[in-house]
Amino acid sequence: MQIGKWGNSLAVRLPGQLVQELGIAEGDEVELLPLPRRANAPAVFAVQPLPSKLDRLQAMRRYRAPFPEGWRFDRDEANAR
């Protein structure tokens, strides 16, 4: 992989085969996880795609429970001091 300058930052250019294996596309977010480094060896990273906002929202919905019967929100009660 090649590291290049992108504005004031550095960017890692991912080979097409790796992009295809990961199933990622331009604009996707990924996480680079450093793996243990061996002596006299280059740095090694694991690349993993981050879930999309929609995927995270759907995952949170698994924990959603219905409100108790008869429950209602009372703004005055919630803000009472």
PDB file of N, CA and C in Angstrom:
ATOM      1  N   MET A   1       0.839  -1.171   0.000  1.00  0.00           N
ATOM      2  CA  MET A   1       0.000   0.000   0.000  1.00  0.00           C
ATOM      3  C   MET A   1       0.879   1.226   0.000  1.00  0.00           C
ATOM      4  N   GLN A   2       0.349   2.271  -0.547  1.00  0.00           N
ATOM      5  CA  GLN A   2       1.113   3.497  -0.680  1.00  0.00           C
ATOM      6  C   GLN A   2       0.484   4.589   0.179  1.00  0.00           C
ATOM      7  N   ILE A   3       1.333   5.363   0.842  1.00  0.00           N
ATOM      8  CA  ILE A   3       0.881   6.500   1.631  1.00  0.00           C
ATOM      9  C   ILE A   3       1.182   7.760   0.839  1.00  0.00           C
ATOM     10  N   GLY A   4       0.197   8.629   0.729  1.00  0.00           N
ATOM     11  CA  GLY A   4       0.378   9.877  -0.002  1.00  0.00           C
ATOM     12  C   GLY A   4      -0.143  11.049   0.799  1.00  0.00           C
ATOM     13  N   LYS A   5       0.200  12.236   0.367  1.00  0.00           N
ATOM     14  CA  LYS A   5      -0.241  13.450   1.035  1.00  0.00           C
ATOM     15  C   LYS A   5      -1.602  13.840   0.474  1.00  0.00           C
ATOM     16  N   TRP A   6      -2.508  14.220   1.351  1.00  0.00           N
ATOM     17  CA  TRP A   6      -3.834  14.669   0.967  1.00  0.00           C
ATOM     18  C   TRP A   6      -4.129  15.912   1.786  1.00  0.00           C
ATOM     19  N   GLY A   7      -3.902  17.080   1.229  1.00  0.00           N
ATOM     20  CA  GLY A   7      -4.019  18.325   1.992  1.00  0.00           C
ATOM     21  C   GLY A   7      -2.958  18.346   3.074  1.00  0.00           C
ATOM     22  N   ASN A   8      -3.367  18.565   4.314  1.00  0.00           N
ATOM     23  CA  ASN A   8      -2.440  18.545   5.449  1.00  0.00           C
ATOM     24  C   ASN A   8      -2.370  17.169   6.100  1.00  0.00           C
ATOM     25  N   SER A   9      -3.006  16.184   5.509  1.00  0.00           N
ATOM     26  CA  SER A   9      -3.071  14.842   6.089  1.00  0.00           C
ATOM     27  C   SER A   9      -2.337  13.847   5.209  1.00  0.00           C
ATOM     28  N   LEU A  10      -2.250  12.627   5.703  1.00  0.00           N
ATOM     29  CA  LEU A  10      -1.712  11.519   4.918  1.00  0.00           C
ATOM     30  C   LEU A  10      -2.852  10.563   4.601  1.00  0.00           C
ATOM     31  N   ALA A  11      -2.787   9.926   3.459  1.00  0.00           N
ATOM     32  CA  ALA A  11      -3.818   8.987   3.037  1.00  0.00           C
ATOM     33  C   ALA A  11      -3.167   7.668   2.655  1.00  0.00           C
ATOM     34  N   VAL A  12      -3.862   6.579   2.907  1.00  0.00           N
ATOM     35  CA  VAL A  12      -3.397   5.247   2.529  1.00  0.00           C
ATOM     36  C   VAL A  12      -4.178   4.824   1.294  1.00  0.00           C
ATOM     37  N   ARG A  13      -3.476   4.471   0.242  1.00  0.00           N
ATOM     38  CA  ARG A  13      -4.118   4.013  -0.995  1.00  0.00           C
ATOM     39  C   ARG A  13      -4.306   2.505  -0.879  1.00  0.00           C
ATOM     40  N   LEU A  14      -5.557   2.059  -0.960  1.00  0.00           N
ATOM     41  CA  LEU A  14      -5.865   0.635  -0.830  1.00  0.00           C
ATOM     42  C   LEU A  14      -5.918  -0.011  -2.209  1.00  0.00           C
ATOM     43  N   PRO A  15      -5.258  -1.152  -2.377  1.00  0.00           N
ATOM     44  CA  PRO A  15      -5.314  -1.857  -3.663  1.00  0.00           C
ATOM     45  C   PRO A  15      -6.741  -2.302  -3.982  1.00  0.00           C
ATOM     46  N   GLY A  16      -7.068  -2.324  -5.266  1.00  0.00           N
ATOM     47  CA  GLY A  16      -8.410  -2.697  -5.705  1.00  0.00           C
ATOM     48  C   GLY A  16      -8.860  -4.050  -5.196  1.00  0.00           C
ATOM     49  N   GLN A  17      -7.956  -5.025  -5.153  1.00  0.00           N
ATOM     50  CA  GLN A  17      -8.320  -6.368  -4.686  1.00  0.00           C
ATOM     51  C   GLN A  17      -8.750  -6.330  -3.221  1.00  0.00           C
ATOM     52  N   LEU A  18      -8.035  -5.553  -2.389  1.00  0.00           N
ATOM     53  CA  LEU A  18      -8.394  -5.435  -0.975  1.00  0.00           C
ATOM     54  C   LEU A  18      -9.748  -4.742  -0.831  1.00  0.00           C
ATOM     55  N   VAL A  19      -9.967  -3.688  -1.611  1.00  0.00           N
ATOM     56  CA  VAL A  19     -11.241  -2.969  -1.584  1.00  0.00           C
ATOM     57  C   VAL A  19     -12.382  -3.921  -1.926  1.00  0.00           C
ATOM     58  N   GLN A  20     -12.172  -4.748  -2.933  1.00  0.00           N
ATOM     59  CA  GLN A  20     -13.191  -5.712  -3.352  1.00  0.00           C
ATOM     60  C   GLN A  20     -13.437  -6.752  -2.259  1.00  0.00           C
ATOM     61  N   GLU A  21     -12.367  -7.259  -1.642  1.00  0.00           N
ATOM     62  CA  GLU A  21     -12.509  -8.264  -0.582  1.00  0.00           C
ATOM     63  C   GLU A  21     -13.254  -7.708   0.622  1.00  0.00           C
ATOM     64  N   LEU A  22     -13.000  -6.434   0.947  1.00  0.00           N
ATOM     65  CA  LEU A  22     -13.661  -5.810   2.092  1.00  0.00           C
ATOM     66  C   LEU A  22     -15.078  -5.363   1.766  1.00  0.00           C
ATOM     67  N   GLY A  23     -15.394  -5.252   0.486  1.00  0.00           N
ATOM     68  CA  GLY A  23     -16.722  -4.797   0.090  1.00  0.00           C
ATOM     69  C   GLY A  23     -16.955  -3.335   0.429  1.00  0.00           C
ATOM     70  N   ILE A  24     -15.911  -2.513   0.295  1.00  0.00           N
ATOM     71  CA  ILE A  24     -16.035  -1.095   0.612  1.00  0.00           C
ATOM     72  C   ILE A  24     -16.009  -0.278  -0.670  1.00  0.00           C
ATOM     73  N   ALA A  25     -16.445   0.970  -0.550  1.00  0.00           N
ATOM     74  CA  ALA A  25     -16.485   1.869  -1.705  1.00  0.00           C
ATOM     75  C   ALA A  25     -16.074   3.261  -1.253  1.00  0.00           C
ATOM     76  N   GLU A  26     -15.841   4.128  -2.208  1.00  0.00           N
ATOM     77  CA  GLU A  26     -15.475   5.505  -1.906  1.00  0.00           C
ATOM     78  C   GLU A  26     -16.531   6.131  -0.997  1.00  0.00           C
ATOM     79  N   GLY A  27     -16.076   6.787   0.062  1.00  0.00           N
ATOM     80  CA  GLY A  27     -16.982   7.428   1.010  1.00  0.00           C
ATOM     81  C   GLY A  27     -17.271   6.579   2.234  1.00  0.00           C
ATOM     82  N   ASP A  28     -17.035   5.256   2.164  1.00  0.00           N
ATOM     83  CA  ASP A  28     -17.226   4.399   3.336  1.00  0.00           C
ATOM     84  C   ASP A  28     -16.181   4.745   4.381  1.00  0.00           C
ATOM     85  N   GLU A  29     -16.517   4.510   5.634  1.00  0.00           N
ATOM     86  CA  GLU A  29     -15.562   4.717   6.712  1.00  0.00           C
ATOM     87  C   GLU A  29     -14.990   3.372   7.127  1.00  0.00           C
ATOM     88  N   VAL A  30     -13.682   3.345   7.371  1.00  0.00           N
ATOM     89  CA  VAL A  30     -13.013   2.128   7.824  1.00  0.00           C
ATOM     90  C   VAL A  30     -12.196   2.453   9.059  1.00  0.00           C
ATOM     91  N   GLU A  31     -11.843   1.421   9.779  1.00  0.00           N
ATOM     92  CA  GLU A  31     -11.011   1.553  10.965  1.00  0.00           C
ATOM     93  C   GLU A  31      -9.722   0.778  10.717  1.00  0.00           C
ATOM     94  N   LEU A  32      -8.593   1.413  10.982  1.00  0.00           N
ATOM     95  CA  LEU A  32      -7.296   0.740  10.876  1.00  0.00           C
ATOM     96  C   LEU A  32      -6.868   0.334  12.278  1.00  0.00           C
ATOM     97  N   LEU A  33      -6.672  -0.943  12.484  1.00  0.00           N
ATOM     98  CA  LEU A  33      -6.280  -1.462  13.791  1.00  0.00           C
ATOM     99  C   LEU A  33      -4.848  -1.962  13.712  1.00  0.00           C
ATOM    100  N   PRO A  34      -3.918  -1.348  14.472  1.00  0.00           N
ATOM    101  CA  PRO A  34      -2.535  -1.812  14.421  1.00  0.00           C
ATOM    102  C   PRO A  34      -2.411  -3.212  15.025  1.00  0.00           C
ATOM    103  N   LEU A  35      -1.688  -4.064  14.342  1.00  0.00           N
ATOM    104  CA  LEU A  35      -1.425  -5.414  14.840  1.00  0.00           C
ATOM    105  C   LEU A  35      -0.040  -5.433  15.473  1.00  0.00           C
ATOM    106  N   PRO A  36       0.237  -6.407  16.349  1.00  0.00           N
ATOM    107  CA  PRO A  36       1.568  -6.466  16.975  1.00  0.00           C
ATOM    108  C   PRO A  36       2.666  -6.444  15.918  1.00  0.00           C
ATOM    109  N   ARG A  37       3.682  -5.664  16.190  1.00  0.00           N
ATOM    110  CA  ARG A  37       4.764  -5.478  15.220  1.00  0.00           C
ATOM    111  C   ARG A  37       5.941  -6.382  15.573  1.00  0.00           C
ATOM    112  N   ARG A  38       6.469  -7.059  14.571  1.00  0.00           N
ATOM    113  CA  ARG A  38       7.650  -7.901  14.766  1.00  0.00           C
ATOM    114  C   ARG A  38       8.898  -7.076  14.502  1.00  0.00           C
ATOM    115  N   ALA A  39       9.990  -7.463  15.121  1.00  0.00           N
ATOM    116  CA  ALA A  39      11.254  -6.748  14.940  1.00  0.00           C
ATOM    117  C   ALA A  39      11.645  -6.730  13.466  1.00  0.00           C
ATOM    118  N   ASN A  40      12.130  -5.598  13.016  1.00  0.00           N
ATOM    119  CA  ASN A  40      12.601  -5.417  11.636  1.00  0.00           C
ATOM    120  C   ASN A  40      11.538  -5.716  10.581  1.00  0.00           C
ATOM    121  N   ALA A  41      10.287  -5.535  10.926  1.00  0.00           N
ATOM    122  CA  ALA A  41       9.197  -5.773   9.975  1.00  0.00           C
ATOM    123  C   ALA A  41       8.380  -4.491   9.838  1.00  0.00           C
ATOM    124  N   PRO A  42       7.772  -4.285   8.694  1.00  0.00           N
ATOM    125  CA  PRO A  42       6.939  -3.084   8.538  1.00  0.00           C
ATOM    126  C   PRO A  42       5.691  -3.162   9.412  1.00  0.00           C
ATOM    127  N   ALA A  43       5.102  -2.015   9.680  1.00  0.00           N
ATOM    128  CA  ALA A  43       3.869  -1.972  10.466  1.00  0.00           C
ATOM    129  C   ALA A  43       2.769  -2.721   9.718  1.00  0.00           C
ATOM    130  N   VAL A  44       1.941  -3.423  10.462  1.00  0.00           N
ATOM    131  CA  VAL A  44       0.849  -4.198   9.882  1.00  0.00           C
ATOM    132  C   VAL A  44      -0.454  -3.745  10.535  1.00  0.00           C
ATOM    133  N   PHE A  45      -1.473  -3.551   9.705  1.00  0.00           N
ATOM    134  CA  PHE A  45      -2.766  -3.107  10.203  1.00  0.00           C
ATOM    135  C   PHE A  45      -3.862  -4.022   9.699  1.00  0.00           C
ATOM    136  N   ALA A  46      -4.896  -4.156  10.506  1.00  0.00           N
ATOM    137  CA  ALA A  46      -6.125  -4.808  10.062  1.00  0.00           C
ATOM    138  C   ALA A  46      -7.067  -3.686   9.638  1.00  0.00           C
ATOM    139  N   VAL A  47      -7.680  -3.834   8.490  1.00  0.00           N
ATOM    140  CA  VAL A  47      -8.628  -2.841   7.984  1.00  0.00           C
ATOM    141  C   VAL A  47     -10.013  -3.435   8.110  1.00  0.00           C
ATOM    142  N   GLN A  48     -10.893  -2.724   8.800  1.00  0.00           N
ATOM    143  CA  GLN A  48     -12.249  -3.240   8.914  1.00  0.00           C
ATOM    144  C   GLN A  48     -13.247  -2.126   8.652  1.00  0.00           C
ATOM    145  N   PRO A  49     -14.276  -2.413   7.867  1.00  0.00           N
ATOM    146  CA  PRO A  49     -15.294  -1.404   7.579  1.00  0.00           C
ATOM    147  C   PRO A  49     -16.081  -1.074   8.846  1.00  0.00           C
ATOM    148  N   LEU A  50     -16.428   0.188   9.011  1.00  0.00           N
ATOM    149  CA  LEU A  50     -17.294   0.593  10.111  1.00  0.00           C
ATOM    150  C   LEU A  50     -18.739   0.474   9.646  1.00  0.00           C
ATOM    151  N   PRO A  51     -19.641   0.107  10.558  1.00  0.00           N
ATOM    152  CA  PRO A  51     -21.041   0.013  10.149  1.00  0.00           C
ATOM    153  C   PRO A  51     -21.584   1.394   9.771  1.00  0.00           C
ATOM    154  N   SER A  52     -22.522   1.422   8.844  1.00  0.00           N
ATOM    155  CA  SER A  52     -23.132   2.689   8.434  1.00  0.00           C
ATOM    156  C   SER A  52     -24.040   3.198   9.550  1.00  0.00           C
ATOM    157  N   LYS A  53     -24.453   4.451   9.439  1.00  0.00           N
ATOM    158  CA  LYS A  53     -25.370   5.017  10.435  1.00  0.00           C
ATOM    159  C   LYS A  53     -26.670   4.219  10.467  1.00  0.00           C
ATOM    160  N   LEU A  54     -27.142   3.808   9.299  1.00  0.00           N
ATOM    161  CA  LEU A  54     -28.371   3.024   9.231  1.00  0.00           C
ATOM    162  C   LEU A  54     -28.188   1.673   9.923  1.00  0.00           C
ATOM    163  N   ASP A  55     -27.055   1.016   9.712  1.00  0.00           N
ATOM    164  CA  ASP A  55     -26.778  -0.263  10.378  1.00  0.00           C
ATOM    165  C   ASP A  55     -26.746  -0.088  11.893  1.00  0.00           C
ATOM    166  N   ARG A  56     -26.126   1.002  12.365  1.00  0.00           N
ATOM    167  CA  ARG A  56     -26.059   1.243  13.817  1.00  0.00           C
ATOM    168  C   ARG A  56     -27.443   1.514  14.386  1.00  0.00           C
ATOM    169  N   LEU A  57     -28.272   2.278  13.660  1.00  0.00           N
ATOM    170  CA  LEU A  57     -29.630   2.565  14.115  1.00  0.00           C
ATOM    171  C   LEU A  57     -30.445   1.281  14.201  1.00  0.00           C
ATOM    172  N   GLN A  58     -30.337   0.427  13.187  1.00  0.00           N
ATOM    173  CA  GLN A  58     -31.075  -0.834  13.199  1.00  0.00           C
ATOM    174  C   GLN A  58     -30.605  -1.728  14.347  1.00  0.00           C
ATOM    175  N   ALA A  59     -29.308  -1.700  14.654  1.00  0.00           N
ATOM    176  CA  ALA A  59     -28.794  -2.496  15.770  1.00  0.00           C
ATOM    177  C   ALA A  59     -29.361  -1.993  17.096  1.00  0.00           C
ATOM    178  N   MET A  60     -29.500  -0.679  17.246  1.00  0.00           N
ATOM    179  CA  MET A  60     -30.052  -0.125  18.487  1.00  0.00           C
ATOM    180  C   MET A  60     -31.529  -0.458  18.636  1.00  0.00           C
ATOM    181  N   ARG A  61     -32.232  -0.569  17.516  1.00  0.00           N
ATOM    182  CA  ARG A  61     -33.669  -0.854  17.577  1.00  0.00           C
ATOM    183  C   ARG A  61     -33.967  -2.223  18.175  1.00  0.00           C
ATOM    184  N   ARG A  62     -33.000  -3.115  18.172  1.00  0.00           N
ATOM    185  CA  ARG A  62     -33.209  -4.441  18.789  1.00  0.00           C
ATOM    186  C   ARG A  62     -33.490  -4.310  20.276  1.00  0.00           C
ATOM    187  N   TYR A  63     -32.993  -3.236  20.900  1.00  0.00           N
ATOM    188  CA  TYR A  63     -33.134  -3.059  22.340  1.00  0.00           C
ATOM    189  C   TYR A  63     -34.335  -2.191  22.702  1.00  0.00           C
ATOM    190  N   ARG A  64     -35.075  -1.728  21.698  1.00  0.00           N
ATOM    191  CA  ARG A  64     -36.220  -0.858  21.948  1.00  0.00           C
ATOM    192  C   ARG A  64     -37.354  -1.686  22.538  1.00  0.00           C
ATOM    193  N   ALA A  65     -37.959  -1.144  23.579  1.00  0.00           N
ATOM    194  CA  ALA A  65     -39.090  -1.821  24.217  1.00  0.00           C
ATOM    195  C   ALA A  65     -40.291  -0.877  24.175  1.00  0.00           C
ATOM    196  N   PRO A  66     -41.492  -1.418  24.169  1.00  0.00           N
ATOM    197  CA  PRO A  66     -42.673  -0.547  24.155  1.00  0.00           C
ATOM    198  C   PRO A  66     -42.826   0.167  25.498  1.00  0.00           C
ATOM    199  N   PHE A  67     -43.472   1.320  25.464  1.00  0.00           N
ATOM    200  CA  PHE A  67     -43.764   2.032  26.708  1.00  0.00           C
ATOM    201  C   PHE A  67     -44.807   1.246  27.485  1.00  0.00           C
ATOM    202  N   PRO A  68     -44.781   1.363  28.820  1.00  0.00           N
ATOM    203  CA  PRO A  68     -45.801   0.673  29.615  1.00  0.00           C
ATOM    204  C   PRO A  68     -47.201   1.190  29.254  1.00  0.00           C
ATOM    205  N   GLU A  69     -48.188   0.344  29.410  1.00  0.00           N
ATOM    206  CA  GLU A  69     -49.557   0.732  29.089  1.00  0.00           C
ATOM    207  C   GLU A  69     -49.975   1.908  29.968  1.00  0.00           C
ATOM    208  N   GLY A  70     -50.582   2.888  29.360  1.00  0.00           N
ATOM    209  CA  GLY A  70     -51.047   4.056  30.103  1.00  0.00           C
ATOM    210  C   GLY A  70     -49.977   5.114  30.326  1.00  0.00           C
ATOM    211  N   TRP A  71     -48.758   4.868  29.898  1.00  0.00           N
ATOM    212  CA  TRP A  71     -47.677   5.839  30.103  1.00  0.00           C
ATOM    213  C   TRP A  71     -47.870   7.018  29.180  1.00  0.00           C
ATOM    214  N   ARG A  72     -47.600   8.219  29.694  1.00  0.00           N
ATOM    215  CA  ARG A  72     -47.626   9.401  28.847  1.00  0.00           C
ATOM    216  C   ARG A  72     -46.559  10.354  29.342  1.00  0.00           C
ATOM    217  N   PHE A  73     -46.028  11.120  28.437  1.00  0.00           N
ATOM    218  CA  PHE A  73     -44.984  12.078  28.770  1.00  0.00           C
ATOM    219  C   PHE A  73     -45.634  13.371  29.233  1.00  0.00           C
ATOM    220  N   ASP A  74     -45.212  13.866  30.400  1.00  0.00           N
ATOM    221  CA  ASP A  74     -45.710  15.131  30.939  1.00  0.00           C
ATOM    222  C   ASP A  74     -44.517  16.070  31.059  1.00  0.00           C
ATOM    223  N   ARG A  75     -44.442  17.039  30.165  1.00  0.00           N
ATOM    224  CA  ARG A  75     -43.298  17.955  30.132  1.00  0.00           C
ATOM    225  C   ARG A  75     -43.170  18.723  31.451  1.00  0.00           C
ATOM    226  N   ASP A  76     -44.283  19.183  32.020  1.00  0.00           N
ATOM    227  CA  ASP A  76     -44.220  19.935  33.278  1.00  0.00           C
ATOM    228  C   ASP A  76     -43.672  19.062  34.402  1.00  0.00           C
ATOM    229  N   GLU A  77     -44.121  17.822  34.460  1.00  0.00           N
ATOM    230  CA  GLU A  77     -43.631  16.902  35.491  1.00  0.00           C
ATOM    231  C   GLU A  77     -42.144  16.606  35.290  1.00  0.00           C
ATOM    232  N   ALA A  78     -41.731  16.437  34.053  1.00  0.00           N
ATOM    233  CA  ALA A  78     -40.328  16.132  33.762  1.00  0.00           C
ATOM    234  C   ALA A  78     -39.418  17.294  34.124  1.00  0.00           C
ATOM    235  N   ASN A  79     -39.919  18.528  34.021  1.00  0.00           N
ATOM    236  CA  ASN A  79     -39.096  19.706  34.304  1.00  0.00           C
ATOM    237  C   ASN A  79     -39.339  20.302  35.681  1.00  0.00           C
ATOM    238  N   ALA A  80     -40.159  19.655  36.494  1.00  0.00           N
ATOM    239  CA  ALA A  80     -40.437  20.171  37.844  1.00  0.00           C
ATOM    240  C   ALA A  80     -39.171  20.135  38.684  1.00  0.00           C
ATOM    241  N   ARG A  81     -39.008  21.191  39.481  1.00  0.00           N
ATOM    242  CA  ARG A  81     -37.820  21.252  40.367  1.00  0.00           C
ATOM    243  C   ARG A  81     -38.223  21.110  41.795  1.00  0.00           C
TER     244      ARG A  81
END
